Amino acid sequence: MQLIFLLVVFVGVLAITYYVTKWIAGYQKVQGFNKNLEIIEAIKISSNKYVQIIRAGEDRYFVIAIGKDEVVPLGEISASQLKEIEGQDIVSAAPVDFKSVLDKLSKKK
């Protein structure tokens, strides 16, 4: 009887955990939705430093530097200064053959 009781409690705790996690995820998704701010582009400078372009409103763009404990505004740029990245302009690298890389590494030794 105790084993069955423990199994029922365990399954109940798992079910409650599942539904609470789904509810929290949905709540955070709604809270994180913002129409006025958007990160357009980000580049990593070091392990904990980034430079980001942020769109505020419809036509204002800001460049900021983000560190571990600070955010520094670098300036404002116009929409005409941004470059659009189109799918056809992106050159994808040729696929690397694992066997050829392994052969090159084995020849060095």
N, C-alpha and C. Protein backbone atom coordinates (compact mmCIF):
# COMPACT_ATOMS: atom_id res chain seq x y z
N MET A 1 0.82 -1.19 0.00
CA MET A 1 0.00 0.00 0.00
C MET A 1 0.86 1.26 0.00
N GLN A 2 1.93 1.23 0.80
CA GLN A 2 2.79 2.40 0.86
C GLN A 2 3.46 2.65 -0.48
N LEU A 3 3.86 1.60 -1.17
CA LEU A 3 4.50 1.75 -2.48
C LEU A 3 3.55 2.38 -3.48
N ILE A 4 2.32 1.92 -3.48
CA ILE A 4 1.32 2.49 -4.40
C ILE A 4 1.07 3.95 -4.06
N PHE A 5 0.97 4.26 -2.76
CA PHE A 5 0.76 5.64 -2.33
C PHE A 5 1.92 6.52 -2.78
N LEU A 6 3.16 6.05 -2.61
CA LEU A 6 4.33 6.81 -3.04
C LEU A 6 4.35 7.01 -4.55
N LEU A 7 3.98 6.00 -5.31
CA LEU A 7 3.93 6.14 -6.76
C LEU A 7 2.88 7.17 -7.18
N VAL A 8 1.72 7.15 -6.56
CA VAL A 8 0.67 8.13 -6.88
C VAL A 8 1.14 9.54 -6.53
N VAL A 9 1.77 9.71 -5.37
CA VAL A 9 2.28 11.03 -4.99
C VAL A 9 3.37 11.47 -5.97
N PHE A 10 4.25 10.57 -6.35
CA PHE A 10 5.33 10.91 -7.29
C PHE A 10 4.77 11.35 -8.64
N VAL A 11 3.82 10.62 -9.18
CA VAL A 11 3.20 10.98 -10.46
C VAL A 11 2.45 12.30 -10.32
N GLY A 12 1.80 12.52 -9.19
CA GLY A 12 1.10 13.78 -8.95
C GLY A 12 2.05 14.96 -8.92
N VAL A 13 3.18 14.80 -8.24
CA VAL A 13 4.18 15.88 -8.18
C VAL A 13 4.74 16.15 -9.57
N LEU A 14 5.00 15.10 -10.35
CA LEU A 14 5.49 15.29 -11.73
C LEU A 14 4.46 16.04 -12.57
N ALA A 15 3.18 15.69 -12.45
CA ALA A 15 2.14 16.36 -13.22
C ALA A 15 2.02 17.83 -12.83
N ILE A 16 2.04 18.10 -11.54
CA ILE A 16 1.96 19.49 -11.08
C ILE A 16 3.17 20.28 -11.57
N THR A 17 4.35 19.70 -11.49
CA THR A 17 5.56 20.36 -11.96
C THR A 17 5.47 20.67 -13.45
N TYR A 18 4.98 19.74 -14.23
CA TYR A 18 4.84 19.93 -15.67
C TYR A 18 3.91 21.10 -15.98
N TYR A 19 2.75 21.13 -15.38
CA TYR A 19 1.78 22.18 -15.68
C TYR A 19 2.21 23.54 -15.14
N VAL A 20 2.86 23.58 -14.01
CA VAL A 20 3.35 24.86 -13.48
C VAL A 20 4.46 25.40 -14.38
N THR A 21 5.33 24.53 -14.85
CA THR A 21 6.40 24.96 -15.75
C THR A 21 5.82 25.50 -17.06
N LYS A 22 4.82 24.85 -17.61
CA LYS A 22 4.17 25.34 -18.84
C LYS A 22 3.51 26.69 -18.59
N TRP A 23 2.88 26.87 -17.44
CA TRP A 23 2.21 28.12 -17.12
C TRP A 23 3.24 29.25 -16.98
N ILE A 24 4.35 29.00 -16.29
CA ILE A 24 5.39 30.02 -16.12
C ILE A 24 6.01 30.39 -17.46
N ALA A 25 6.24 29.41 -18.32
CA ALA A 25 6.80 29.70 -19.65
C ALA A 25 5.85 30.58 -20.45
N GLY A 26 4.57 30.29 -20.42
CA GLY A 26 3.61 31.12 -21.13
C GLY A 26 3.53 32.52 -20.56
N TYR A 27 3.59 32.65 -19.25
CA TYR A 27 3.55 33.95 -18.59
C TYR A 27 4.77 34.77 -18.97
N GLN A 28 5.96 34.18 -18.97
CA GLN A 28 7.17 34.90 -19.31
C GLN A 28 7.19 35.27 -20.79
N LYS A 29 6.62 34.44 -21.62
CA LYS A 29 6.56 34.75 -23.05
C LYS A 29 5.72 35.98 -23.30
N VAL A 30 4.60 36.10 -22.61
CA VAL A 30 3.74 37.28 -22.75
C VAL A 30 4.43 38.51 -22.19
N GLN A 31 5.12 38.37 -21.06
CA GLN A 31 5.79 39.51 -20.44
C GLN A 31 6.97 40.00 -21.28
N GLY A 32 7.65 39.10 -21.97
CA GLY A 32 8.81 39.46 -22.77
C GLY A 32 8.48 40.03 -24.13
N PHE A 33 7.21 39.98 -24.53
CA PHE A 33 6.81 40.48 -25.84
C PHE A 33 6.76 42.00 -25.81
N ASN A 34 7.54 42.63 -26.67
CA ASN A 34 7.62 44.08 -26.67
C ASN A 34 7.62 44.56 -28.11
N LYS A 35 6.77 45.52 -28.42
CA LYS A 35 6.67 46.02 -29.79
C LYS A 35 7.59 47.20 -30.05
N ASN A 36 8.09 47.85 -29.02
CA ASN A 36 8.83 49.09 -29.20
C ASN A 36 10.34 48.93 -29.14
N LEU A 37 10.83 47.87 -28.59
CA LEU A 37 12.27 47.65 -28.51
C LEU A 37 12.63 46.33 -29.19
N GLU A 38 13.71 46.37 -29.95
CA GLU A 38 14.15 45.15 -30.64
C GLU A 38 15.65 45.21 -30.83
N ILE A 39 16.33 44.10 -30.57
CA ILE A 39 17.76 44.01 -30.83
C ILE A 39 17.92 43.65 -32.30
N ILE A 40 18.50 44.55 -33.05
CA ILE A 40 18.67 44.34 -34.49
C ILE A 40 19.87 43.44 -34.76
N GLU A 41 20.98 43.75 -34.10
CA GLU A 41 22.20 43.00 -34.34
C GLU A 41 23.07 43.07 -33.09
N ALA A 42 23.83 42.02 -32.84
CA ALA A 42 24.74 41.99 -31.70
C ALA A 42 26.02 41.29 -32.12
N ILE A 43 27.12 41.78 -31.60
CA ILE A 43 28.41 41.14 -31.86
C ILE A 43 29.14 41.00 -30.54
N LYS A 44 29.76 39.83 -30.35
CA LYS A 44 30.48 39.55 -29.12
C LYS A 44 31.90 40.07 -29.25
N ILE A 45 32.30 40.92 -28.31
CA ILE A 45 33.64 41.48 -28.32
C ILE A 45 34.60 40.62 -27.50
N SER A 46 34.17 40.22 -26.33
CA SER A 46 34.94 39.31 -25.48
C SER A 46 33.96 38.41 -24.75
N SER A 47 34.42 37.71 -23.75
CA SER A 47 33.59 36.70 -23.11
C SER A 47 32.31 37.28 -22.49
N ASN A 48 32.35 38.51 -22.03
CA ASN A 48 31.15 39.09 -21.43
C ASN A 48 30.90 40.53 -21.89
N LYS A 49 31.35 40.88 -23.10
CA LYS A 49 31.15 42.22 -23.64
C LYS A 49 30.58 42.14 -25.05
N TYR A 50 29.53 42.93 -25.29
CA TYR A 50 28.84 42.92 -26.56
C TYR A 50 28.63 44.35 -27.05
N VAL A 51 28.51 44.49 -28.36
CA VAL A 51 28.04 45.73 -28.97
C VAL A 51 26.75 45.38 -29.68
N GLN A 52 25.69 46.15 -29.42
CA GLN A 52 24.38 45.86 -29.99
C GLN A 52 23.80 47.09 -30.67
N ILE A 53 23.04 46.82 -31.72
CA ILE A 53 22.23 47.86 -32.37
C ILE A 53 20.79 47.57 -31.95
N ILE A 54 20.14 48.58 -31.38
CA ILE A 54 18.80 48.42 -30.85
C ILE A 54 17.87 49.39 -31.56
N ARG A 55 16.71 48.87 -32.01
CA ARG A 55 15.68 49.73 -32.59
C ARG A 55 14.73 50.13 -31.48
N ALA A 56 14.51 51.44 -31.34
CA ALA A 56 13.58 51.96 -30.35
C ALA A 56 12.50 52.72 -31.12
N GLY A 57 11.26 52.28 -30.98
CA GLY A 57 10.19 52.89 -31.76
C GLY A 57 10.22 52.35 -33.17
N GLU A 58 9.93 53.21 -34.13
CA GLU A 58 9.91 52.75 -35.52
C GLU A 58 11.14 53.14 -36.32
N ASP A 59 11.80 54.24 -35.96
CA ASP A 59 12.90 54.70 -36.82
C ASP A 59 14.11 55.23 -36.06
N ARG A 60 14.27 54.89 -34.81
CA ARG A 60 15.45 55.32 -34.07
C ARG A 60 16.29 54.09 -33.73
N TYR A 61 17.58 54.19 -34.01
CA TYR A 61 18.51 53.09 -33.79
C TYR A 61 19.65 53.58 -32.91
N PHE A 62 19.96 52.81 -31.88
CA PHE A 62 21.03 53.15 -30.95
C PHE A 62 22.06 52.04 -30.94
N VAL A 63 23.33 52.44 -30.79
CA VAL A 63 24.42 51.49 -30.64
C VAL A 63 24.85 51.57 -29.18
N ILE A 64 24.87 50.41 -28.52
CA ILE A 64 25.25 50.36 -27.11
C ILE A 64 26.30 49.29 -26.90
N ALA A 65 27.10 49.51 -25.87
CA ALA A 65 28.09 48.51 -25.44
C ALA A 65 27.59 47.93 -24.13
N ILE A 66 27.60 46.62 -24.03
CA ILE A 66 27.11 45.94 -22.84
C ILE A 66 28.25 45.14 -22.24
N GLY A 67 28.51 45.39 -20.97
CA GLY A 67 29.52 44.65 -20.23
C GLY A 67 28.86 43.85 -19.13
N LYS A 68 29.67 43.33 -18.24
CA LYS A 68 29.14 42.50 -17.16
C LYS A 68 28.20 43.29 -16.26
N ASP A 69 28.59 44.49 -15.89
CA ASP A 69 27.80 45.28 -14.97
C ASP A 69 27.43 46.66 -15.49
N GLU A 70 27.62 46.91 -16.80
CA GLU A 70 27.34 48.25 -17.30
C GLU A 70 26.79 48.21 -18.72
N VAL A 71 26.07 49.27 -19.05
CA VAL A 71 25.56 49.49 -20.40
C VAL A 71 25.97 50.91 -20.76
N VAL A 72 26.71 51.06 -21.87
CA VAL A 72 27.23 52.35 -22.27
C VAL A 72 26.67 52.71 -23.64
N PRO A 73 25.97 53.85 -23.77
CA PRO A 73 25.50 54.27 -25.10
C PRO A 73 26.68 54.76 -25.93
N LEU A 74 26.80 54.25 -27.14
CA LEU A 74 27.89 54.64 -28.03
C LEU A 74 27.45 55.70 -29.03
N GLY A 75 26.17 55.70 -29.37
CA GLY A 75 25.68 56.70 -30.31
C GLY A 75 24.37 56.28 -30.94
N GLU A 76 23.90 57.14 -31.81
CA GLU A 76 22.65 56.88 -32.53
C GLU A 76 22.97 56.87 -34.02
N ILE A 77 22.37 55.94 -34.76
CA ILE A 77 22.56 55.88 -36.20
C ILE A 77 21.21 55.92 -36.88
N SER A 78 21.22 56.30 -38.13
CA SER A 78 19.97 56.37 -38.88
C SER A 78 19.71 55.05 -39.60
N ALA A 79 18.49 54.87 -40.05
CA ALA A 79 18.11 53.64 -40.75
C ALA A 79 18.88 53.51 -42.06
N SER A 80 19.24 54.62 -42.68
CA SER A 80 19.97 54.56 -43.95
C SER A 80 21.40 54.07 -43.76
N GLN A 81 21.93 54.15 -42.56
CA GLN A 81 23.29 53.69 -42.31
C GLN A 81 23.36 52.18 -42.05
N LEU A 82 22.22 51.55 -41.84
CA LEU A 82 22.20 50.11 -41.61
C LEU A 82 22.25 49.37 -42.94
N LYS A 83 22.96 48.26 -42.97
CA LYS A 83 23.02 47.43 -44.16
C LYS A 83 22.01 46.32 -44.03
N GLU A 84 21.24 46.10 -45.05
CA GLU A 84 20.29 44.98 -45.08
C GLU A 84 21.04 43.73 -45.50
N ILE A 85 20.81 42.65 -44.80
CA ILE A 85 21.41 41.37 -45.17
C ILE A 85 20.34 40.57 -45.89
N GLU A 86 20.59 40.29 -47.14
CA GLU A 86 19.65 39.51 -47.92
C GLU A 86 20.18 38.09 -48.06
N GLY A 87 19.28 37.16 -48.20
CA GLY A 87 19.64 35.75 -48.27
C GLY A 87 20.62 35.43 -49.38
N GLN A 88 20.51 36.11 -50.52
CA GLN A 88 21.38 35.80 -51.63
C GLN A 88 22.78 36.39 -51.49
N ASP A 89 22.95 37.38 -50.62
CA ASP A 89 24.27 37.98 -50.43
C ASP A 89 25.13 37.16 -49.48
N ILE A 90 24.52 36.31 -48.70
CA ILE A 90 25.27 35.52 -47.74
C ILE A 90 25.90 34.33 -48.46
N VAL A 91 27.21 34.25 -48.36
CA VAL A 91 27.93 33.15 -49.02
C VAL A 91 28.16 32.07 -47.97
N SER A 92 27.60 30.92 -48.23
CA SER A 92 27.78 29.83 -47.27
C SER A 92 29.07 29.08 -47.59
N ALA A 93 29.74 28.66 -46.56
CA ALA A 93 30.98 27.92 -46.73
C ALA A 93 30.68 26.53 -47.27
N ALA A 94 31.62 26.03 -48.05
CA ALA A 94 31.45 24.68 -48.59
C ALA A 94 31.50 23.68 -47.45
N PRO A 95 30.74 22.61 -47.54
CA PRO A 95 30.76 21.63 -46.46
C PRO A 95 32.15 21.00 -46.33
N VAL A 96 32.55 20.80 -45.11
CA VAL A 96 33.86 20.24 -44.83
C VAL A 96 33.74 18.72 -44.73
N ASP A 97 34.62 18.05 -45.44
CA ASP A 97 34.65 16.59 -45.40
C ASP A 97 35.49 16.16 -44.21
N PHE A 98 34.88 15.45 -43.29
CA PHE A 98 35.56 15.03 -42.07
C PHE A 98 36.76 14.15 -42.37
N LYS A 99 36.64 13.30 -43.37
CA LYS A 99 37.73 12.39 -43.70
C LYS A 99 38.96 13.17 -44.16
N SER A 100 38.78 14.21 -44.96
CA SER A 100 39.93 14.99 -45.44
C SER A 100 40.60 15.74 -44.28
N VAL A 101 39.82 16.26 -43.35
CA VAL A 101 40.40 16.94 -42.20
C VAL A 101 41.17 15.95 -41.33
N LEU A 102 40.61 14.78 -41.13
CA LEU A 102 41.29 13.76 -40.33
C LEU A 102 42.58 13.31 -41.01
N ASP A 103 42.57 13.17 -42.35
CA ASP A 103 43.78 12.79 -43.07
C ASP A 103 44.87 13.85 -42.93
N LYS A 104 44.49 15.12 -43.00
CA LYS A 104 45.46 16.22 -42.86
C LYS A 104 46.08 16.21 -41.47
N LEU A 105 45.25 15.98 -40.46
CA LEU A 105 45.77 15.96 -39.09
C LEU A 105 46.67 14.76 -38.85
N SER A 106 46.35 13.62 -39.44
CA SER A 106 47.17 12.44 -39.23
C SER A 106 48.50 12.55 -39.97
N LYS A 107 48.53 13.28 -41.09
CA LYS A 107 49.80 13.45 -41.84
C LYS A 107 50.75 14.38 -41.11
N LYS A 108 50.22 15.33 -40.32
CA LYS A 108 51.08 16.25 -39.57
C LYS A 108 51.88 15.52 -38.50
N LYS A 109 51.29 14.47 -37.94
CA LYS A 109 51.97 13.73 -36.89
C LYS A 109 52.89 12.76 -37.54
